[in-house]
Amino acid sequence: MSEVYKALAHPTRRAILRMLREHEMSAGDIAAQFDLSKPTLTGHFNTLRDAGLVEVQRQGTTLIYRLNASVLEEALLDLMEGFGFLATRPSPTQKAKA
């Protein structure tokens, strides 16, 4: 989970996630929104991918990024729970009984 929090710590990566919340995008379309070098953006993309926050699909020479909302949701729930904003979440077996 620490990789997820590290990935969320940078404003550029949070901006990328906000963009991907709307729809999947190519690396080029995302890069066009930032005044950053290609190596810098590649590092941000890799950090997001390594944390599981985005999924990447290759279409020919194009990389398509999409948000992995379940990982983001899990990290946010864990954080809120850790600070006492939520009651303890039910386990998967408790969810099945509901």
PDB file of N, CA and C in Angstrom:
ATOM      1  N   MET A   1       0.824  -1.194   0.000  1.00  0.00           N
ATOM      2  CA  MET A   1       0.000   0.000   0.000  1.00  0.00           C
ATOM      3  C   MET A   1       0.868   1.258   0.000  1.00  0.00           C
ATOM      4  N   SER A   2       2.090   1.165   0.521  1.00  0.00           N
ATOM      5  CA  SER A   2       2.947   2.349   0.566  1.00  0.00           C
ATOM      6  C   SER A   2       3.297   2.845  -0.837  1.00  0.00           C
ATOM      7  N   GLU A   3       3.390   1.935  -1.820  1.00  0.00           N
ATOM      8  CA  GLU A   3       3.640   2.355  -3.204  1.00  0.00           C
ATOM      9  C   GLU A   3       2.490   3.213  -3.725  1.00  0.00           C
ATOM     10  N   VAL A   4       1.277   2.865  -3.328  1.00  0.00           N
ATOM     11  CA  VAL A   4       0.105   3.631  -3.759  1.00  0.00           C
ATOM     12  C   VAL A   4       0.171   5.034  -3.171  1.00  0.00           C
ATOM     13  N   TYR A   5       0.457   5.138  -1.875  1.00  0.00           N
ATOM     14  CA  TYR A   5       0.534   6.450  -1.243  1.00  0.00           C
ATOM     15  C   TYR A   5       1.669   7.281  -1.825  1.00  0.00           C
ATOM     16  N   LYS A   6       2.796   6.641  -2.118  1.00  0.00           N
ATOM     17  CA  LYS A   6       3.919   7.347  -2.744  1.00  0.00           C
ATOM     18  C   LYS A   6       3.487   7.886  -4.113  1.00  0.00           C
ATOM     19  N   ALA A   7       2.786   7.073  -4.872  1.00  0.00           N
ATOM     20  CA  ALA A   7       2.323   7.495  -6.200  1.00  0.00           C
ATOM     21  C   ALA A   7       1.343   8.661  -6.093  1.00  0.00           C
ATOM     22  N   LEU A   8       0.493   8.640  -5.083  1.00  0.00           N
ATOM     23  CA  LEU A   8      -0.507   9.697  -4.909  1.00  0.00           C
ATOM     24  C   LEU A   8       0.096  10.989  -4.361  1.00  0.00           C
ATOM     25  N   ALA A   9       1.310  10.939  -3.873  1.00  0.00           N
ATOM     26  CA  ALA A   9       1.920  12.096  -3.228  1.00  0.00           C
ATOM     27  C   ALA A   9       2.297  13.206  -4.211  1.00  0.00           C
ATOM     28  N   HIS A  10       2.452  12.885  -5.473  1.00  0.00           N
ATOM     29  CA  HIS A  10       2.921  13.884  -6.432  1.00  0.00           C
ATOM     30  C   HIS A  10       1.742  14.505  -7.189  1.00  0.00           C
ATOM     31  N   PRO A  11       1.700  15.837  -7.282  1.00  0.00           N
ATOM     32  CA  PRO A  11       0.561  16.498  -7.938  1.00  0.00           C
ATOM     33  C   PRO A  11       0.388  16.137  -9.415  1.00  0.00           C
ATOM     34  N   THR A  12       1.476  15.887 -10.123  1.00  0.00           N
ATOM     35  CA  THR A  12       1.354  15.504 -11.533  1.00  0.00           C
ATOM     36  C   THR A  12       0.664  14.157 -11.651  1.00  0.00           C
ATOM     37  N   ARG A  13       1.026  13.218 -10.792  1.00  0.00           N
ATOM     38  CA  ARG A  13       0.399  11.896 -10.855  1.00  0.00           C
ATOM     39  C   ARG A  13      -1.070  11.970 -10.464  1.00  0.00           C
ATOM     40  N   ARG A  14      -1.410  12.822  -9.498  1.00  0.00           N
ATOM     41  CA  ARG A  14      -2.824  12.998  -9.143  1.00  0.00           C
ATOM     42  C   ARG A  14      -3.598  13.609 -10.309  1.00  0.00           C
ATOM     43  N   ALA A  15      -2.966  14.535 -11.020  1.00  0.00           N
ATOM     44  CA  ALA A  15      -3.613  15.149 -12.187  1.00  0.00           C
ATOM     45  C   ALA A  15      -3.854  14.105 -13.276  1.00  0.00           C
ATOM     46  N   ILE A  16      -2.890  13.231 -13.487  1.00  0.00           N
ATOM     47  CA  ILE A  16      -3.056  12.157 -14.473  1.00  0.00           C
ATOM     48  C   ILE A  16      -4.227  11.266 -14.082  1.00  0.00           C
ATOM     49  N   LEU A  17      -4.322  10.905 -12.815  1.00  0.00           N
ATOM     50  CA  LEU A  17      -5.427  10.059 -12.352  1.00  0.00           C
ATOM     51  C   LEU A  17      -6.776  10.754 -12.541  1.00  0.00           C
ATOM     52  N   ARG A  18      -6.830  12.063 -12.292  1.00  0.00           N
ATOM     53  CA  ARG A  18      -8.084  12.800 -12.505  1.00  0.00           C
ATOM     54  C   ARG A  18      -8.484  12.754 -13.973  1.00  0.00           C
ATOM     55  N   MET A  19      -7.502  12.882 -14.862  1.00  0.00           N
ATOM     56  CA  MET A  19      -7.791  12.817 -16.296  1.00  0.00           C
ATOM     57  C   MET A  19      -8.313  11.436 -16.680  1.00  0.00           C
ATOM     58  N   LEU A  20      -7.698  10.410 -16.130  1.00  0.00           N
ATOM     59  CA  LEU A  20      -8.090   9.035 -16.464  1.00  0.00           C
ATOM     60  C   LEU A  20      -9.427   8.646 -15.834  1.00  0.00           C
ATOM     61  N   ARG A  21      -9.858   9.398 -14.835  1.00  0.00           N
ATOM     62  CA  ARG A  21     -11.161   9.134 -14.223  1.00  0.00           C
ATOM     63  C   ARG A  21     -12.275   9.320 -15.252  1.00  0.00           C
ATOM     64  N   GLU A  22     -12.061  10.254 -16.175  1.00  0.00           N
ATOM     65  CA  GLU A  22     -13.063  10.541 -17.202  1.00  0.00           C
ATOM     66  C   GLU A  22     -13.090   9.470 -18.292  1.00  0.00           C
ATOM     67  N   HIS A  23     -11.908   9.068 -18.760  1.00  0.00           N
ATOM     68  CA  HIS A  23     -11.817   8.048 -19.821  1.00  0.00           C
ATOM     69  C   HIS A  23     -10.365   7.641 -20.007  1.00  0.00           C
ATOM     70  N   GLU A  24     -10.160   6.502 -20.651  1.00  0.00           N
ATOM     71  CA  GLU A  24      -8.799   6.059 -20.935  1.00  0.00           C
ATOM     72  C   GLU A  24      -8.166   7.023 -21.929  1.00  0.00           C
ATOM     73  N   MET A  25      -6.843   7.117 -21.875  1.00  0.00           N
ATOM     74  CA  MET A  25      -6.126   8.050 -22.743  1.00  0.00           C
ATOM     75  C   MET A  25      -4.790   7.455 -23.163  1.00  0.00           C
ATOM     76  N   SER A  26      -4.323   7.899 -24.314  1.00  0.00           N
ATOM     77  CA  SER A  26      -2.995   7.479 -24.758  1.00  0.00           C
ATOM     78  C   SER A  26      -1.942   8.283 -24.005  1.00  0.00           C
ATOM     79  N   ALA A  27      -0.741   7.748 -23.966  1.00  0.00           N
ATOM     80  CA  ALA A  27       0.366   8.447 -23.315  1.00  0.00           C
ATOM     81  C   ALA A  27       0.588   9.805 -23.966  1.00  0.00           C
ATOM     82  N   GLY A  28       0.460   9.873 -25.284  1.00  0.00           N
ATOM     83  CA  GLY A  28       0.644  11.130 -26.000  1.00  0.00           C
ATOM     84  C   GLY A  28      -0.402  12.167 -25.647  1.00  0.00           C
ATOM     85  N   ASP A  29      -1.660  11.734 -25.506  1.00  0.00           N
ATOM     86  CA  ASP A  29      -2.741  12.658 -25.137  1.00  0.00           C
ATOM     87  C   ASP A  29      -2.530  13.193 -23.725  1.00  0.00           C
ATOM     88  N   ILE A  30      -2.060  12.330 -22.837  1.00  0.00           N
ATOM     89  CA  ILE A  30      -1.775  12.771 -21.464  1.00  0.00           C
ATOM     90  C   ILE A  30      -0.598  13.737 -21.483  1.00  0.00           C
ATOM     91  N   ALA A  31       0.463  13.386 -22.195  1.00  0.00           N
ATOM     92  CA  ALA A  31       1.671  14.218 -22.245  1.00  0.00           C
ATOM     93  C   ALA A  31       1.372  15.606 -22.790  1.00  0.00           C
ATOM     94  N   ALA A  32       0.419  15.711 -23.712  1.00  0.00           N
ATOM     95  CA  ALA A  32       0.072  17.006 -24.298  1.00  0.00           C
ATOM     96  C   ALA A  32      -0.485  17.983 -23.266  1.00  0.00           C
ATOM     97  N   GLN A  33      -0.935  17.463 -22.126  1.00  0.00           N
ATOM     98  CA  GLN A  33      -1.519  18.305 -21.077  1.00  0.00           C
ATOM     99  C   GLN A  33      -0.479  18.863 -20.104  1.00  0.00           C
ATOM    100  N   PHE A  34       0.772  18.437 -20.263  1.00  0.00           N
ATOM    101  CA  PHE A  34       1.827  18.819 -19.322  1.00  0.00           C
ATOM    102  C   PHE A  34       3.030  19.397 -20.061  1.00  0.00           C
ATOM    103  N   ASP A  35       3.698  20.318 -19.423  1.00  0.00           N
ATOM    104  CA  ASP A  35       4.933  20.880 -19.955  1.00  0.00           C
ATOM    105  C   ASP A  35       6.110  20.207 -19.255  1.00  0.00           C
ATOM    106  N   LEU A  36       6.215  18.898 -19.483  1.00  0.00           N
ATOM    107  CA  LEU A  36       7.265  18.094 -18.856  1.00  0.00           C
ATOM    108  C   LEU A  36       7.973  17.277 -19.927  1.00  0.00           C
ATOM    109  N   SER A  37       9.211  16.905 -19.662  1.00  0.00           N
ATOM    110  CA  SER A  37       9.962  16.093 -20.616  1.00  0.00           C
ATOM    111  C   SER A  37       9.384  14.682 -20.666  1.00  0.00           C
ATOM    112  N   LYS A  38       9.637  14.019 -21.780  1.00  0.00           N
ATOM    113  CA  LYS A  38       9.162  12.646 -21.939  1.00  0.00           C
ATOM    114  C   LYS A  38       9.706  11.718 -20.851  1.00  0.00           C
ATOM    115  N   PRO A  39      11.014  11.790 -20.520  1.00  0.00           N
ATOM    116  CA  PRO A  39      11.515  10.920 -19.441  1.00  0.00           C
ATOM    117  C   PRO A  39      10.832  11.175 -18.097  1.00  0.00           C
ATOM    118  N   THR A  40      10.525  12.442 -17.807  1.00  0.00           N
ATOM    119  CA  THR A  40       9.858  12.765 -16.545  1.00  0.00           C
ATOM    120  C   THR A  40       8.462  12.151 -16.520  1.00  0.00           C
ATOM    121  N   LEU A  41       7.715  12.306 -17.617  1.00  0.00           N
ATOM    122  CA  LEU A  41       6.370  11.724 -17.680  1.00  0.00           C
ATOM    123  C   LEU A  41       6.416  10.205 -17.650  1.00  0.00           C
ATOM    124  N   THR A  42       7.395   9.627 -18.330  1.00  0.00           N
ATOM    125  CA  THR A  42       7.541   8.170 -18.304  1.00  0.00           C
ATOM    126  C   THR A  42       7.755   7.694 -16.870  1.00  0.00           C
ATOM    127  N   GLY A  43       8.535   8.419 -16.104  1.00  0.00           N
ATOM    128  CA  GLY A  43       8.732   8.074 -14.693  1.00  0.00           C
ATOM    129  C   GLY A  43       7.430   8.128 -13.912  1.00  0.00           C
ATOM    130  N   HIS A  44       6.612   9.147 -14.172  1.00  0.00           N
ATOM    131  CA  HIS A  44       5.304   9.241 -13.507  1.00  0.00           C
ATOM    132  C   HIS A  44       4.398   8.080 -13.917  1.00  0.00           C
ATOM    133  N   PHE A  45       4.372   7.777 -15.206  1.00  0.00           N
ATOM    134  CA  PHE A  45       3.559   6.653 -15.678  1.00  0.00           C
ATOM    135  C   PHE A  45       4.001   5.343 -15.030  1.00  0.00           C
ATOM    136  N   ASN A  46       5.312   5.138 -14.948  1.00  0.00           N
ATOM    137  CA  ASN A  46       5.831   3.905 -14.348  1.00  0.00           C
ATOM    138  C   ASN A  46       5.479   3.809 -12.862  1.00  0.00           C
ATOM    139  N   THR A  47       5.555   4.918 -12.161  1.00  0.00           N
ATOM    140  CA  THR A  47       5.199   4.920 -10.735  1.00  0.00           C
ATOM    141  C   THR A  47       3.733   4.564 -10.551  1.00  0.00           C
ATOM    142  N   LEU A  48       2.865   5.138 -11.377  1.00  0.00           N
ATOM    143  CA  LEU A  48       1.433   4.830 -11.296  1.00  0.00           C
ATOM    144  C   LEU A  48       1.160   3.366 -11.642  1.00  0.00           C
ATOM    145  N   ARG A  49       1.841   2.872 -12.665  1.00  0.00           N
ATOM    146  CA  ARG A  49       1.666   1.466 -13.066  1.00  0.00           C
ATOM    147  C   ARG A  49       2.179   0.519 -11.985  1.00  0.00           C
ATOM    148  N   ASP A  50       3.351   0.802 -11.444  1.00  0.00           N
ATOM    149  CA  ASP A  50       3.943  -0.064 -10.416  1.00  0.00           C
ATOM    150  C   ASP A  50       3.080  -0.112  -9.159  1.00  0.00           C
ATOM    151  N   ALA A  51       2.374   0.979  -8.880  1.00  0.00           N
ATOM    152  CA  ALA A  51       1.481   1.026  -7.713  1.00  0.00           C
ATOM    153  C   ALA A  51       0.138   0.369  -8.006  1.00  0.00           C
ATOM    154  N   GLY A  52      -0.092   0.000  -9.268  1.00  0.00           N
ATOM    155  CA  GLY A  52      -1.355  -0.633  -9.635  1.00  0.00           C
ATOM    156  C   GLY A  52      -2.492   0.351  -9.848  1.00  0.00           C
ATOM    157  N   LEU A  53      -2.186   1.642  -9.874  1.00  0.00           N
ATOM    158  CA  LEU A  53      -3.234   2.658 -10.022  1.00  0.00           C
ATOM    159  C   LEU A  53      -3.706   2.823 -11.458  1.00  0.00           C
ATOM    160  N   VAL A  54      -2.873   2.426 -12.411  1.00  0.00           N
ATOM    161  CA  VAL A  54      -3.272   2.461 -13.814  1.00  0.00           C
ATOM    162  C   VAL A  54      -2.951   1.119 -14.457  1.00  0.00           C
ATOM    163  N   GLU A  55      -3.708   0.821 -15.479  1.00  0.00           N
ATOM    164  CA  GLU A  55      -3.450  -0.343 -16.316  1.00  0.00           C
ATOM    165  C   GLU A  55      -3.034   0.176 -17.679  1.00  0.00           C
ATOM    166  N   VAL A  56      -2.116  -0.514 -18.317  1.00  0.00           N
ATOM    167  CA  VAL A  56      -1.579  -0.073 -19.599  1.00  0.00           C
ATOM    168  C   VAL A  56      -1.837  -1.147 -20.639  1.00  0.00           C
ATOM    169  N   GLN A  57      -2.306  -0.704 -21.793  1.00  0.00           N
ATOM    170  CA  GLN A  57      -2.529  -1.625 -22.906  1.00  0.00           C
ATOM    171  C   GLN A  57      -1.813  -1.062 -24.122  1.00  0.00           C
ATOM    172  N   ARG A  58      -1.057  -1.898 -24.795  1.00  0.00           N
ATOM    173  CA  ARG A  58      -0.358  -1.465 -25.999  1.00  0.00           C
ATOM    174  C   ARG A  58      -1.262  -1.709 -27.203  1.00  0.00           C
ATOM    175  N   GLN A  59      -1.430  -0.664 -28.014  1.00  0.00           N
ATOM    176  CA  GLN A  59      -2.150  -0.770 -29.284  1.00  0.00           C
ATOM    177  C   GLN A  59      -1.195  -0.313 -30.375  1.00  0.00           C
ATOM    178  N   GLY A  60      -0.497  -1.274 -30.973  1.00  0.00           N
ATOM    179  CA  GLY A  60       0.553  -0.936 -31.932  1.00  0.00           C
ATOM    180  C   GLY A  60       1.697  -0.276 -31.196  1.00  0.00           C
ATOM    181  N   THR A  61       1.989   0.973 -31.576  1.00  0.00           N
ATOM    182  CA  THR A  61       3.061   1.704 -30.909  1.00  0.00           C
ATOM    183  C   THR A  61       2.526   2.643 -29.830  1.00  0.00           C
ATOM    184  N   THR A  62       1.224   2.622 -29.619  1.00  0.00           N
ATOM    185  CA  THR A  62       0.582   3.529 -28.660  1.00  0.00           C
ATOM    186  C   THR A  62       0.300   2.815 -27.345  1.00  0.00           C
ATOM    187  N   LEU A  63       0.592   3.493 -26.242  1.00  0.00           N
ATOM    188  CA  LEU A  63       0.250   2.975 -24.919  1.00  0.00           C
ATOM    189  C   LEU A  63      -1.026   3.667 -24.455  1.00  0.00           C
ATOM    190  N   ILE A  64      -2.016   2.874 -24.078  1.00  0.00           N
ATOM    191  CA  ILE A  64      -3.290   3.390 -23.598  1.00  0.00           C
ATOM    192  C   ILE A  64      -3.350   3.150 -22.094  1.00  0.00           C
ATOM    193  N   TYR A  65      -3.629   4.222 -21.359  1.00  0.00           N
ATOM    194  CA  TYR A  65      -3.704   4.148 -19.896  1.00  0.00           C
ATOM    195  C   TYR A  65      -5.147   4.254 -19.453  1.00  0.00           C
ATOM    196  N   ARG A  66      -5.489   3.447 -18.444  1.00  0.00           N
ATOM    197  CA  ARG A  66      -6.819   3.553 -17.833  1.00  0.00           C
ATOM    198  C   ARG A  66      -6.665   3.441 -16.326  1.00  0.00           C
ATOM    199  N   LEU A  67      -7.529   4.133 -15.623  1.00  0.00           N
ATOM    200  CA  LEU A  67      -7.516   4.145 -14.169  1.00  0.00           C
ATOM    201  C   LEU A  67      -7.943   2.790 -13.628  1.00  0.00           C
ATOM    202  N   ASN A  68      -7.226   2.295 -12.644  1.00  0.00           N
ATOM    203  CA  ASN A  68      -7.629   1.099 -11.923  1.00  0.00           C
ATOM    204  C   ASN A  68      -8.285   1.589 -10.626  1.00  0.00           C
ATOM    205  N   ALA A  69      -9.559   1.909 -10.725  1.00  0.00           N
ATOM    206  CA  ALA A  69     -10.278   2.554  -9.628  1.00  0.00           C
ATOM    207  C   ALA A  69     -10.317   1.700  -8.368  1.00  0.00           C
ATOM    208  N   SER A  70     -10.307   0.391  -8.508  1.00  0.00           N
ATOM    209  CA  SER A  70     -10.405  -0.459  -7.320  1.00  0.00           C
ATOM    210  C   SER A  70      -9.192  -0.283  -6.404  1.00  0.00           C
ATOM    211  N   VAL A  71      -8.001  -0.123  -6.969  1.00  0.00           N
ATOM    212  CA  VAL A  71      -6.801   0.089  -6.149  1.00  0.00           C
ATOM    213  C   VAL A  71      -6.876   1.452  -5.469  1.00  0.00           C
ATOM    214  N   LEU A  72      -7.310   2.451  -6.201  1.00  0.00           N
ATOM    215  CA  LEU A  72      -7.450   3.790  -5.627  1.00  0.00           C
ATOM    216  C   LEU A  72      -8.492   3.787  -4.512  1.00  0.00           C
ATOM    217  N   GLU A  73      -9.605   3.146  -4.763  1.00  0.00           N
ATOM    218  CA  GLU A  73     -10.662   3.059  -3.753  1.00  0.00           C
ATOM    219  C   GLU A  73     -10.157   2.357  -2.486  1.00  0.00           C
ATOM    220  N   GLU A  74      -9.457   1.268  -2.658  1.00  0.00           N
ATOM    221  CA  GLU A  74      -8.925   0.516  -1.521  1.00  0.00           C
ATOM    222  C   GLU A  74      -7.960   1.364  -0.703  1.00  0.00           C
ATOM    223  N   ALA A  75      -7.081   2.103  -1.379  1.00  0.00           N
ATOM    224  CA  ALA A  75      -6.115   2.951  -0.675  1.00  0.00           C
ATOM    225  C   ALA A  75      -6.826   4.056   0.100  1.00  0.00           C
ATOM    226  N   LEU A  76      -7.818   4.662  -0.513  1.00  0.00           N
ATOM    227  CA  LEU A  76      -8.545   5.735   0.161  1.00  0.00           C
ATOM    228  C   LEU A  76      -9.346   5.204   1.350  1.00  0.00           C
ATOM    229  N   LEU A  77      -9.949   4.043   1.185  1.00  0.00           N
ATOM    230  CA  LEU A  77     -10.686   3.446   2.298  1.00  0.00           C
ATOM    231  C   LEU A  77      -9.745   3.090   3.448  1.00  0.00           C
ATOM    232  N   ASP A  78      -8.596   2.520   3.132  1.00  0.00           N
ATOM    233  CA  ASP A  78      -7.620   2.181   4.170  1.00  0.00           C
ATOM    234  C   ASP A  78      -7.156   3.430   4.909  1.00  0.00           C
ATOM    235  N   LEU A  79      -6.902   4.489   4.169  1.00  0.00           N
ATOM    236  CA  LEU A  79      -6.451   5.733   4.780  1.00  0.00           C
ATOM    237  C   LEU A  79      -7.530   6.317   5.686  1.00  0.00           C
ATOM    238  N   MET A  80      -8.756   6.367   5.206  1.00  0.00           N
ATOM    239  CA  MET A  80      -9.859   6.908   6.006  1.00  0.00           C
ATOM    240  C   MET A  80     -10.112   6.052   7.239  1.00  0.00           C
ATOM    241  N   GLU A  81     -10.052   4.754   7.053  1.00  0.00           N
ATOM    242  CA  GLU A  81     -10.241   3.835   8.176  1.00  0.00           C
ATOM    243  C   GLU A  81      -9.128   3.999   9.201  1.00  0.00           C
ATOM    244  N   GLY A  82      -7.900   4.163   8.724  1.00  0.00           N
ATOM    245  CA  GLY A  82      -6.758   4.318   9.610  1.00  0.00           C
ATOM    246  C   GLY A  82      -6.838   5.559  10.482  1.00  0.00           C
ATOM    247  N   PHE A  83      -7.501   6.590   9.992  1.00  0.00           N
ATOM    248  CA  PHE A  83      -7.670   7.821  10.755  1.00  0.00           C
ATOM    249  C   PHE A  83      -9.007   7.875  11.483  1.00  0.00           C
ATOM    250  N   GLY A  84      -9.739   6.766  11.443  1.00  0.00           N
ATOM    251  CA  GLY A  84     -10.981   6.680  12.201  1.00  0.00           C
ATOM    252  C   GLY A  84     -12.185   7.354  11.565  1.00  0.00           C
ATOM    253  N   PHE A  85     -12.114   7.653  10.271  1.00  0.00           N
ATOM    254  CA  PHE A  85     -13.257   8.273   9.598  1.00  0.00           C
ATOM    255  C   PHE A  85     -14.312   7.261   9.184  1.00  0.00           C
ATOM    256  N   LEU A  86     -13.948   5.998   9.166  1.00  0.00           N
ATOM    257  CA  LEU A  86     -14.879   4.932   8.785  1.00  0.00           C
ATOM    258  C   LEU A  86     -14.846   3.842   9.835  1.00  0.00           C
ATOM    259  N   ALA A  87     -15.969   3.182   9.990  1.00  0.00           N
ATOM    260  CA  ALA A  87     -15.977   1.970  10.809  1.00  0.00           C
ATOM    261  C   ALA A  87     -15.195   0.913  10.043  1.00  0.00           C
ATOM    262  N   THR A  88     -14.729  -0.083  10.726  1.00  0.00           N
ATOM    263  CA  THR A  88     -13.995  -1.151  10.068  1.00  0.00           C
ATOM    264  C   THR A  88     -14.844  -1.753   8.965  1.00  0.00           C
ATOM    265  N   ARG A  89     -14.225  -1.930   7.812  1.00  0.00           N
ATOM    266  CA  ARG A  89     -14.936  -2.492   6.664  1.00  0.00           C
ATOM    267  C   ARG A  89     -15.243  -3.957   6.894  1.00  0.00           C
ATOM    268  N   PRO A  90     -16.365  -4.437   6.384  1.00  0.00           N
ATOM    269  CA  PRO A  90     -16.681  -5.857   6.514  1.00  0.00           C
ATOM    270  C   PRO A  90     -15.724  -6.696   5.676  1.00  0.00           C
ATOM    271  N   SER A  91     -15.456  -7.869   6.150  1.00  0.00           N
ATOM    272  CA  SER A  91     -14.603  -8.783   5.395  1.00  0.00           C
ATOM    273  C   SER A  91     -15.400  -9.284   4.187  1.00  0.00           C
ATOM    274  N   PRO A  92     -14.726  -9.889   3.205  1.00  0.00           N
ATOM    275  CA  PRO A  92     -15.439 -10.411   2.026  1.00  0.00           C
ATOM    276  C   PRO A  92     -16.545 -11.414   2.415  1.00  0.00           C
ATOM    277  N   THR A  93     -16.328 -12.220   3.460  1.00  0.00           N
ATOM    278  CA  THR A  93     -17.373 -13.176   3.853  1.00  0.00           C
ATOM    279  C   THR A  93     -18.562 -12.446   4.475  1.00  0.00           C
ATOM    280  N   GLN A  94     -18.288 -11.360   5.181  1.00  0.00           N
ATOM    281  CA  GLN A  94     -19.395 -10.579   5.751  1.00  0.00           C
ATOM    282  C   GLN A  94     -20.179  -9.888   4.643  1.00  0.00           C
ATOM    283  N   LYS A  95     -19.491  -9.445   3.581  1.00  0.00           N
ATOM    284  CA  LYS A  95     -20.171  -8.813   2.449  1.00  0.00           C
ATOM    285  C   LYS A  95     -21.090  -9.800   1.757  1.00  0.00           C
ATOM    286  N   ALA A  96     -20.631 -11.044   1.635  1.00  0.00           N
ATOM    287  CA  ALA A  96     -21.418 -12.076   0.957  1.00  0.00           C
ATOM    288  C   ALA A  96     -22.700 -12.398   1.690  1.00  0.00           C
ATOM    289  N   LYS A  97     -22.684 -12.285   3.022  1.00  0.00           N
ATOM    290  CA  LYS A  97     -23.862 -12.576   3.829  1.00  0.00           C
ATOM    291  C   LYS A  97     -24.916 -11.475   3.717  1.00  0.00           C
ATOM    292  N   ALA A  98     -24.477 -10.279   3.391  1.00  0.00           N
ATOM    293  CA  ALA A  98     -25.396  -9.128   3.346  1.00  0.00           C
ATOM    294  C   ALA A  98     -26.328  -9.188   2.161  1.00  0.00           C
TER     295      ALA A  98
END
